[in-house]
Protein backbone atom coordinates (compact mmCIF):
# COMPACT_ATOMS: atom_id res chain seq x y z
CA MET A 1 66.79 138.83 36.54
CA ALA A 2 65.48 136.94 39.56
CA THR A 3 63.45 133.80 38.95
CA THR A 4 59.81 133.71 39.96
CA ALA A 5 60.63 131.52 42.97
CA CYS A 6 63.26 133.98 44.15
CA GLN A 7 61.01 136.99 43.63
CA ASN A 8 58.13 135.35 45.50
CA LEU A 9 60.36 134.59 48.47
CA LEU A 10 61.79 138.12 48.47
CA THR A 11 58.25 139.55 48.46
CA SER A 12 57.17 137.36 51.38
CA ILE A 13 60.27 138.44 53.34
CA GLU A 14 59.57 142.13 52.64
CA GLN A 15 55.94 141.74 53.71
CA ARG A 16 56.85 139.67 56.80
CA THR A 17 54.59 136.84 55.61
CA CYS A 18 57.59 134.50 55.35
CA THR A 19 57.64 131.82 58.07
CA VAL A 20 61.09 131.13 59.52
CA GLY A 21 61.93 127.60 60.66
CA VAL A 22 64.81 127.09 63.10
CA ILE A 23 66.21 123.58 63.45
CA GLY A 24 67.97 123.01 66.76
CA LEU A 25 66.45 124.80 69.74
CA GLY A 26 69.55 125.39 71.81
CA TYR A 27 71.86 128.26 72.69
CA VAL A 28 71.91 129.45 69.05
CA GLY A 29 68.42 128.53 67.89
CA LEU A 30 66.36 130.20 70.62
CA PRO A 31 68.11 133.62 70.40
CA LEU A 32 67.62 133.45 66.62
CA ILE A 33 63.89 132.88 67.06
CA ASP A 34 63.83 135.82 69.46
CA ALA A 35 65.43 138.04 66.80
CA PHE A 36 62.95 137.04 64.09
CA THR A 37 59.80 137.17 66.24
CA SER A 38 60.90 140.61 67.44
CA ALA A 39 61.04 141.62 63.76
CA GLY A 40 57.46 140.43 63.25
CA PHE A 41 58.08 137.04 61.63
CA SER A 42 56.25 133.85 62.54
CA CYS A 43 58.69 131.13 63.54
CA MET A 44 58.62 127.35 63.81
CA GLY A 45 61.12 125.57 66.01
CA PHE A 46 62.25 122.02 65.26
CA ASP A 47 64.11 119.73 67.64
CA VAL A 48 64.41 115.95 67.99
CA ASP A 49 64.28 116.37 71.79
CA GLN A 50 60.57 116.21 72.56
CA SER A 51 61.15 117.44 76.12
CA LYS A 52 62.50 120.74 74.74
CA VAL A 53 59.50 121.08 72.45
CA ASP A 54 57.07 120.39 75.29
CA THR A 55 58.81 122.86 77.59
CA LEU A 56 58.64 125.63 74.99
CA LEU A 57 54.99 124.96 74.14
CA GLN A 58 54.24 125.36 77.85
CA GLY A 59 55.78 128.83 77.71
CA ARG A 60 58.91 127.89 79.63
CA SER A 61 62.58 128.28 78.76
CA TYR A 62 65.61 126.15 79.57
CA ILE A 63 68.15 128.84 78.66
CA LYS A 64 68.77 131.61 81.15
CA HIS A 65 69.12 134.59 78.79
CA ILE A 66 65.95 133.66 76.91
CA GLY A 67 63.50 133.93 79.79
CA ASN A 68 60.05 132.40 80.27
CA GLU A 69 58.44 135.75 79.55
CA LYS A 70 59.87 135.78 76.02
CA ILE A 71 58.63 132.28 75.20
CA ALA A 72 55.20 133.12 76.61
CA ALA A 73 55.08 136.32 74.54
CA TRP A 74 55.91 134.43 71.32
CA LEU A 75 53.07 132.02 71.98
CA GLU A 76 50.60 134.72 73.07
CA LYS A 77 51.21 136.70 69.88
CA GLY A 78 50.81 133.56 67.75
CA LEU A 79 54.32 133.96 66.37
CA PHE A 80 55.76 130.64 67.50
CA ASP A 81 55.17 126.94 67.24
CA ALA A 82 57.51 124.06 68.10
CA THR A 83 57.58 120.47 66.94
CA SER A 84 59.70 117.34 66.73
CA ASP A 85 57.84 116.26 63.56
CA MET A 86 60.36 116.71 60.75
CA ALA A 87 57.68 116.08 58.13
CA ARG A 88 56.57 119.64 58.90
CA LEU A 89 59.82 121.04 57.50
CA CYS A 90 57.85 121.77 54.35
CA GLU A 91 55.83 124.47 56.17
CA PRO A 92 58.40 127.26 56.74
CA ASP A 93 59.63 129.35 53.83
CA ALA A 94 63.14 129.60 55.29
CA LEU A 95 64.96 126.89 57.24
CA LEU A 96 67.89 127.89 59.46
CA ILE A 97 70.03 124.96 60.66
CA CYS A 98 71.51 125.40 64.15
CA VAL A 99 72.60 121.88 65.08
CA PRO A 100 75.80 120.79 66.87
CA THR A 101 79.01 120.17 64.90
CA PRO A 102 81.25 118.32 67.38
CA LEU A 103 84.53 116.51 66.92
CA ASP A 104 84.78 112.73 66.97
CA SER A 105 87.18 110.73 69.14
CA ALA A 106 90.00 111.36 66.63
CA ARG A 107 89.30 115.14 66.77
CA ASP A 108 87.97 115.07 63.21
CA PRO A 109 84.75 116.88 62.19
CA ASP A 110 81.57 115.00 63.03
CA LEU A 111 78.84 116.22 60.69
CA LYS A 112 76.24 113.59 61.58
CA TYR A 113 73.78 116.18 62.89
CA VAL A 114 74.13 118.35 59.79
CA VAL A 115 73.79 115.34 57.49
CA GLY A 116 70.80 113.97 59.38
CA THR A 117 69.09 117.36 59.32
CA CYS A 118 69.66 117.74 55.57
CA GLU A 119 68.26 114.26 54.96
CA SER A 120 65.13 115.23 56.88
CA ILE A 121 64.83 118.49 54.93
CA ALA A 122 65.29 116.68 51.60
CA LYS A 123 62.25 114.50 52.32
CA ALA A 124 60.05 117.55 52.88
CA LEU A 125 61.72 120.16 50.67
CA ARG A 126 59.46 122.13 48.34
CA PRO A 127 60.21 124.68 45.60
CA GLY A 128 60.86 128.21 46.80
CA GLN A 129 62.34 127.40 50.20
CA LEU A 130 65.57 128.88 51.54
CA VAL A 131 67.94 126.63 53.53
CA VAL A 132 70.72 128.29 55.56
CA LEU A 133 73.36 126.51 57.61
CA GLU A 134 74.43 128.42 60.75
CA SER A 135 76.42 125.65 62.45
CA THR A 136 80.18 126.21 62.44
CA THR A 137 81.99 123.97 59.98
CA TYR A 138 84.88 123.79 57.54
CA PRO A 139 84.87 125.54 54.12
CA THR A 140 83.07 123.57 51.36
CA THR A 141 80.58 121.89 53.75
CA THR A 142 77.56 123.80 52.43
CA ARG A 143 78.29 123.19 48.75
CA ASP A 144 79.83 119.71 48.89
CA VAL A 145 77.96 118.07 51.78
CA MET A 146 74.62 119.83 52.12
CA VAL A 147 73.63 120.55 48.53
CA PRO A 148 73.96 116.97 47.18
CA ILE A 149 71.75 115.69 50.02
CA LEU A 150 69.15 118.42 49.53
CA GLU A 151 69.00 117.72 45.78
CA GLN A 152 68.15 114.05 46.29
CA ASN A 153 64.44 114.74 45.78
CA GLY A 154 65.04 116.10 42.27
CA LEU A 155 64.94 119.83 42.99
CA ALA A 156 67.87 121.98 41.84
CA ALA A 157 69.75 124.10 44.38
CA GLY A 158 69.97 127.75 43.41
CA THR A 159 67.00 127.48 41.04
CA ASP A 160 64.17 125.54 42.66
CA PHE A 161 65.32 126.26 46.21
CA PHE A 162 68.04 128.45 47.70
CA VAL A 163 71.06 127.64 49.86
CA ALA A 164 73.32 129.87 51.95
CA TYR A 165 75.70 129.82 54.90
CA SER A 166 75.55 132.40 57.70
CA PRO A 167 77.59 131.46 60.77
CA GLU A 168 76.06 131.95 64.20
CA ARG A 169 77.50 134.78 66.25
CA GLU A 170 76.36 134.42 69.83
CA ASP A 171 78.04 135.92 72.89
CA PRO A 172 76.16 134.44 75.86
CA GLY A 173 76.39 136.40 79.07
CA ASN A 174 77.19 139.67 77.25
CA PRO A 175 74.16 142.01 77.56
CA ASP A 176 75.67 144.35 74.97
CA PHE A 177 75.26 141.80 72.16
CA SER A 178 71.98 140.01 71.52
CA ALA A 179 71.48 137.89 68.40
CA ALA A 180 69.67 140.84 66.78
CA GLY A 181 72.51 143.22 67.62
CA ILE A 182 75.33 141.33 65.92
CA PRO A 183 76.03 141.73 62.16
CA LYS A 184 75.72 138.51 60.16
CA VAL A 185 78.13 137.31 57.49
CA VAL A 186 76.17 135.76 54.62
CA GLY A 187 77.56 133.71 51.74
CA ALA A 188 75.60 131.59 49.27
CA ILE A 189 75.92 129.13 46.43
CA ASN A 190 74.63 131.61 43.81
CA GLU A 191 73.37 135.17 43.43
CA GLU A 192 69.68 134.42 43.97
CA SER A 193 70.41 132.45 47.13
CA GLN A 194 72.52 135.40 48.32
CA GLN A 195 69.68 137.85 47.66
CA CYS A 196 67.15 135.77 49.58
CA ALA A 197 69.36 135.05 52.58
CA SER A 198 70.63 138.63 52.86
CA ALA A 199 67.10 140.03 52.60
CA LEU A 200 65.90 137.72 55.37
CA TYR A 201 68.67 138.51 57.85
CA LYS A 202 68.51 142.26 57.15
CA CYS A 203 65.02 142.24 58.67
CA ALA A 204 66.15 140.80 62.00
CA VAL A 205 69.80 141.67 62.75
CA ALA A 206 71.94 144.80 63.05
CA GLY A 207 73.46 144.38 59.62
CA VAL A 208 74.44 141.92 56.92
CA VAL A 209 77.97 141.43 55.61
CA PRO A 210 77.60 139.77 52.20
CA VAL A 211 80.56 137.77 50.90
CA SER A 212 81.21 136.25 47.51
CA ASN A 213 80.30 132.64 48.35
CA CYS A 214 79.51 130.25 51.17
CA GLU A 215 83.14 129.07 51.40
CA VAL A 216 84.27 132.57 52.41
CA ALA A 217 81.54 132.74 55.07
CA GLU A 218 82.51 129.31 56.40
CA ALA A 219 86.18 130.29 56.54
CA ALA A 220 85.41 133.61 58.24
CA LYS A 221 83.70 131.85 61.14
CA VAL A 222 86.57 129.43 61.61
CA LEU A 223 89.05 132.34 61.48
CA GLU A 224 87.15 134.18 64.24
CA ASN A 225 87.51 131.20 66.56
CA ILE A 226 91.11 130.37 65.57
CA TYR A 227 92.07 133.97 66.38
CA ARG A 228 90.74 133.56 69.90
CA ALA A 229 92.12 130.04 70.42
CA VAL A 230 95.66 130.99 69.36
CA ASN A 231 95.77 134.15 71.47
CA ILE A 232 94.36 132.40 74.53
CA ALA A 233 96.98 129.69 74.07
CA LEU A 234 99.66 132.39 73.95
CA VAL A 235 98.66 133.90 77.28
CA ASN A 236 98.20 130.43 78.81
CA GLU A 237 101.75 129.55 77.81
CA LEU A 238 103.02 132.86 79.16
CA LYS A 239 101.15 132.23 82.42
CA VAL A 240 103.13 129.01 82.95
CA LEU A 241 106.40 130.75 82.13
CA PHE A 242 105.68 133.78 84.30
CA ASP A 243 104.56 131.58 87.21
CA GLU A 244 107.99 129.98 87.17
CA MET A 245 109.57 133.45 87.20
CA GLY A 246 107.37 134.77 89.98
CA ILE A 247 105.67 137.29 87.67
CA ASP A 248 101.91 137.89 87.84
CA VAL A 249 100.61 137.37 84.27
CA TRP A 250 97.43 139.32 85.07
CA GLU A 251 99.42 142.39 86.04
CA VAL A 252 101.47 142.02 82.87
CA ILE A 253 98.33 141.92 80.70
CA ASN A 254 96.79 144.89 82.49
CA ALA A 255 99.97 146.86 81.88
CA ALA A 256 100.19 145.87 78.21
CA LYS A 257 96.58 146.75 77.43
CA THR A 258 97.18 150.40 78.32
CA LYS A 259 98.77 150.67 74.88
CA PRO A 260 96.05 152.28 72.74
CA PHE A 261 97.03 150.47 69.53
CA GLY A 262 98.51 147.18 68.37
CA PHE A 263 97.41 145.12 71.38
CA HIS A 264 94.18 143.34 72.27
CA ALA A 265 94.00 141.72 75.70
CA PHE A 266 93.31 138.00 76.03
CA TYR A 267 93.25 136.24 79.37
CA PRO A 268 94.48 132.87 80.66
CA GLY A 269 92.26 130.32 82.34
CA PRO A 270 91.92 126.66 83.36
CA GLY A 271 91.23 125.56 79.79
CA LEU A 272 88.89 126.37 76.91
CA GLY A 273 85.13 125.99 77.05
CA GLY A 274 82.00 126.53 74.98
CA HIS A 275 81.04 124.95 71.70
CA CYS A 276 83.29 127.14 69.52
CA ILE A 277 86.87 127.74 70.57
CA PRO A 278 87.80 124.23 71.79
CA ILE A 279 86.31 122.61 68.68
CA ASP A 280 86.03 124.79 65.60
CA PRO A 281 89.74 125.47 64.88
CA PHE A 282 90.28 121.73 64.45
CA TYR A 283 87.85 121.73 61.54
CA LEU A 284 90.39 123.77 59.61
CA SER A 285 93.40 121.74 60.76
CA TRP A 286 91.54 118.60 59.59
CA LEU A 287 90.87 120.25 56.22
CA ALA A 288 94.55 121.25 55.98
CA ARG A 289 95.59 117.61 56.44
CA LYS A 290 93.17 116.59 53.69
CA GLN A 291 94.87 119.13 51.43
CA GLY A 292 98.29 117.63 52.23
CA SER A 293 99.25 120.62 54.36
CA ASN A 294 99.22 121.39 58.06
CA ALA A 295 98.02 124.12 60.40
CA ARG A 296 100.78 124.30 62.97
CA PHE A 297 99.49 127.31 64.90
CA ILE A 298 96.10 125.64 65.37
CA GLU A 299 97.59 122.34 66.51
CA LEU A 300 100.04 124.02 68.87
CA ALA A 301 97.32 126.23 70.35
CA GLY A 302 95.18 123.16 70.91
CA GLU A 303 98.06 121.37 72.61
CA VAL A 304 98.70 124.30 74.98
CA ASN A 305 95.05 124.88 75.83
CA ARG A 306 94.27 121.19 76.38
CA ALA A 307 97.15 121.00 78.87
CA MET A 308 95.77 123.72 81.16
CA PRO A 309 93.45 121.59 83.36
CA LYS A 310 96.37 119.30 84.26
CA TYR A 311 98.54 122.34 84.95
CA VAL A 312 95.90 123.82 87.27
CA VAL A 313 95.54 120.57 89.23
CA SER A 314 99.32 120.30 89.47
CA ARG A 315 99.49 123.81 90.91
CA ALA A 316 96.64 122.99 93.30
CA SER A 317 98.66 120.02 94.53
CA GLU A 318 101.68 122.28 95.12
CA PHE A 319 99.59 124.82 97.04
CA LEU A 320 98.07 122.13 99.26
CA ASN A 321 101.51 120.66 99.88
CA GLU A 322 102.61 124.05 101.19
CA VAL A 323 100.13 123.59 104.06
CA LYS A 324 101.10 119.91 104.47
CA LYS A 325 98.00 118.47 102.78
CA PRO A 326 97.81 116.11 99.81
CA ILE A 327 94.97 116.29 97.29
CA ARG A 328 93.87 112.82 98.42
CA GLY A 329 91.36 113.30 101.20
CA SER A 330 91.27 117.09 100.88
CA LYS A 331 87.85 118.72 100.74
CA ILE A 332 87.89 120.84 97.59
CA CYS A 333 85.01 122.89 96.20
CA LEU A 334 85.19 123.89 92.53
CA LEU A 335 83.50 127.22 91.84
CA GLY A 336 81.75 127.36 88.48
CA VAL A 337 80.96 124.57 86.03
CA ALA A 338 79.56 126.79 83.26
CA TYR A 339 82.21 127.42 80.63
CA LYS A 340 81.91 131.19 80.89
CA LYS A 341 81.14 133.91 83.41
CA ASP A 342 77.44 134.51 84.19
CA VAL A 343 76.01 131.89 81.80
CA ASP A 344 74.31 128.53 82.35
CA ASP A 345 76.01 126.82 79.40
CA PRO A 346 78.29 123.92 80.45
CA ARG A 347 79.32 122.78 76.96
CA GLU A 348 83.02 121.80 76.78
CA SER A 349 83.65 123.49 80.12
CA PRO A 350 87.16 122.78 81.46
CA SER A 351 85.54 122.40 84.89
CA PHE A 352 84.52 118.85 84.02
CA GLU A 353 88.08 117.80 83.30
CA LEU A 354 89.26 119.54 86.46
CA MET A 355 86.69 117.57 88.44
CA GLU A 356 87.74 114.28 86.86
CA LEU A 357 91.41 114.95 87.59
CA LEU A 358 90.71 115.93 91.20
CA LEU A 359 88.55 112.85 91.77
CA GLN A 360 91.21 110.62 90.23
CA GLN A 361 93.67 111.98 92.80
CA GLY A 362 91.29 111.24 95.67
CA ALA A 363 89.86 114.66 96.47
CA GLU A 364 86.57 114.92 98.37
CA LEU A 365 84.96 117.08 95.70
CA SER A 366 81.98 119.40 95.63
CA TYR A 367 81.00 122.34 93.46
CA SER A 368 79.05 125.57 93.53
CA ASP A 369 77.47 127.31 90.56
CA PRO A 370 74.34 129.49 90.91
CA HIS A 371 73.61 129.03 87.19
CA VAL A 372 73.94 125.22 87.15
CA PRO A 373 72.01 123.81 90.13
CA SER A 374 72.80 120.17 89.37
CA LEU A 375 75.68 118.61 87.49
CA PRO A 376 74.51 117.78 83.95
CA LYS A 377 75.36 114.56 82.16
CA MET A 378 78.14 115.19 79.66
CA ARG A 379 79.02 112.99 76.67
CA HIS A 380 82.74 112.81 77.36
CA HIS A 381 82.82 112.91 81.15
CA ASP A 382 81.74 110.36 83.74
CA LEU A 383 81.10 112.19 87.00
CA PRO A 384 78.96 111.34 90.01
CA ALA A 385 75.67 113.13 90.60
CA MET A 386 76.21 116.40 92.45
CA THR A 387 74.22 119.50 93.31
CA SER A 388 75.47 123.04 93.73
CA GLN A 389 76.47 123.95 97.27
CA GLU A 390 75.56 127.24 98.95
CA LEU A 391 78.69 129.16 99.88
CA THR A 392 77.89 129.89 103.50
CA PRO A 393 80.73 130.88 105.86
CA GLU A 394 80.29 127.55 107.67
CA TYR A 395 80.54 125.55 104.48
CA LEU A 396 83.60 127.48 103.28
CA GLN A 397 85.31 126.97 106.63
CA SER A 398 84.79 123.20 106.33
CA LEU A 399 86.89 123.05 103.14
CA ASP A 400 90.61 122.58 102.60
CA ALA A 401 90.56 124.56 99.34
CA VAL A 402 88.32 126.45 96.96
CA LEU A 403 89.22 126.34 93.25
CA ILE A 404 87.77 129.18 91.16
CA ALA A 405 87.20 127.83 87.65
CA THR A 406 84.50 130.26 86.45
CA ASP A 407 84.38 133.83 87.75
CA HIS A 408 80.62 134.34 88.10
CA THR A 409 79.58 137.79 89.30
CA ALA A 410 77.19 136.16 91.78
CA PHE A 411 80.04 134.78 93.88
CA ASP A 412 80.88 136.86 96.95
CA TYR A 413 84.65 136.80 96.67
CA GLU A 414 85.21 138.79 99.87
CA CYS A 415 83.25 136.16 101.82
CA ILE A 416 85.01 133.31 100.02
CA VAL A 417 88.50 134.60 100.76
CA GLN A 418 87.71 135.54 104.37
CA ASN A 419 86.34 132.07 105.18
CA ALA A 420 88.25 129.58 103.00
CA ALA A 421 91.58 128.20 104.17
CA LEU A 422 93.01 128.30 100.63
CA VAL A 423 91.66 129.95 97.46
CA ILE A 424 93.12 128.82 94.12
CA ASP A 425 92.15 131.43 91.55
CA THR A 426 92.44 130.63 87.82
CA ARG A 427 90.51 133.72 86.66
CA ASN A 428 91.94 136.60 88.72
CA ALA A 429 88.46 136.85 90.25
CA THR A 430 89.87 137.85 93.63
CA ALA A 431 91.88 140.81 92.31
CA LYS A 432 89.80 143.36 94.24
CA VAL A 433 89.66 141.43 97.52
CA SER A 434 91.61 143.35 100.14
CA VAL A 435 91.41 141.12 103.25
CA GLY A 436 92.95 137.65 103.46
CA ARG A 437 95.12 137.88 100.36
CA ASP A 438 97.71 135.60 101.97
CA ARG A 439 95.25 132.73 101.38
CA ILE A 440 94.98 133.37 97.62
CA ARG A 441 97.08 131.49 95.09
CA LYS A 442 97.00 132.10 91.31
CA ALA A 443 96.91 129.08 88.99
């Protein structure tokens, strides 16, 4: 039998009178707000960055796939408010936490944003609220880290308020999968928390996959990203081997994927990017070490993938040497600083390490990315200020080499190959170019 607090929350969810609060207005938070406002819920957005709050309240977006028209529509319909005032966390009926979970310098989990957010919630928490963590983390975080902080004000988790974990599932740049179109895994600390969280997400997403507890949900998210990291590492390692043998790894993959069962294609690249694959698997390897065990596949995959930027620059040096040019003094343009095709998200992009390595070797470096007009400041990279260059024939002809790091659709690869002296392609982006193929090198 559900408690009164649980029943009241379930009723407000069913009647769409429940206000949804989203903490962290970034690449996960804004699509989530879009899903809930589209389902008729009022939403509040919370972020410590006042500039983000101000931008949103002016009806403008800073994320490409959530356009200005969507923000303006939320405001016009009276379905959205944004604030940096964490004292207002008492106002929403459900609080969804979408804050970063990075690694520290030792590649151990850094939960400072989750902890800080929970401390802010605890100060404002009232009976009947639902708190859901969406940030990727290691199993036991919700129960062992979040709950004790949230209970500091004297309320009991699972009785006075409800706690669940539902990992974000975003695929930026893929028009086939919006936040509302992706099923959500939901696990909770008890049955009533599960009921409330599942009922809420069912209103806004394609489907809910309930699991027995929050630890299973946490582990499922880490597994999703480990699966990708390990398989990408496999094809990256094979790329190095096949390069030495004179075999085109892209042709090998295209041949293998014609098998209608037992094979799923993964593709090599200049390194891993985004906030998930380069980071999240190490949450589980850290937990394994705490348990006195080890996660050898995860560590090995990380080692292979982290080595790819240096491998690409080494190959670039070889290709330039073939035309009697060293990297030092060569004019090199890097194409794409976003971590993924057709997105504006630069988080953990391997392009930044490629740029650092090229600059260290004395290259005269520039970049072009239609989705990233100026080079953003990154926590772990110290790069000079740069702006994206237009890829005119004249500009391309002035270069010694073009290095394709991100295969944006907007790039005119025919024009690039026809006008650049040397094209170093890490993404097989030039596969369909027919003229000038003698200037293309795979890396």
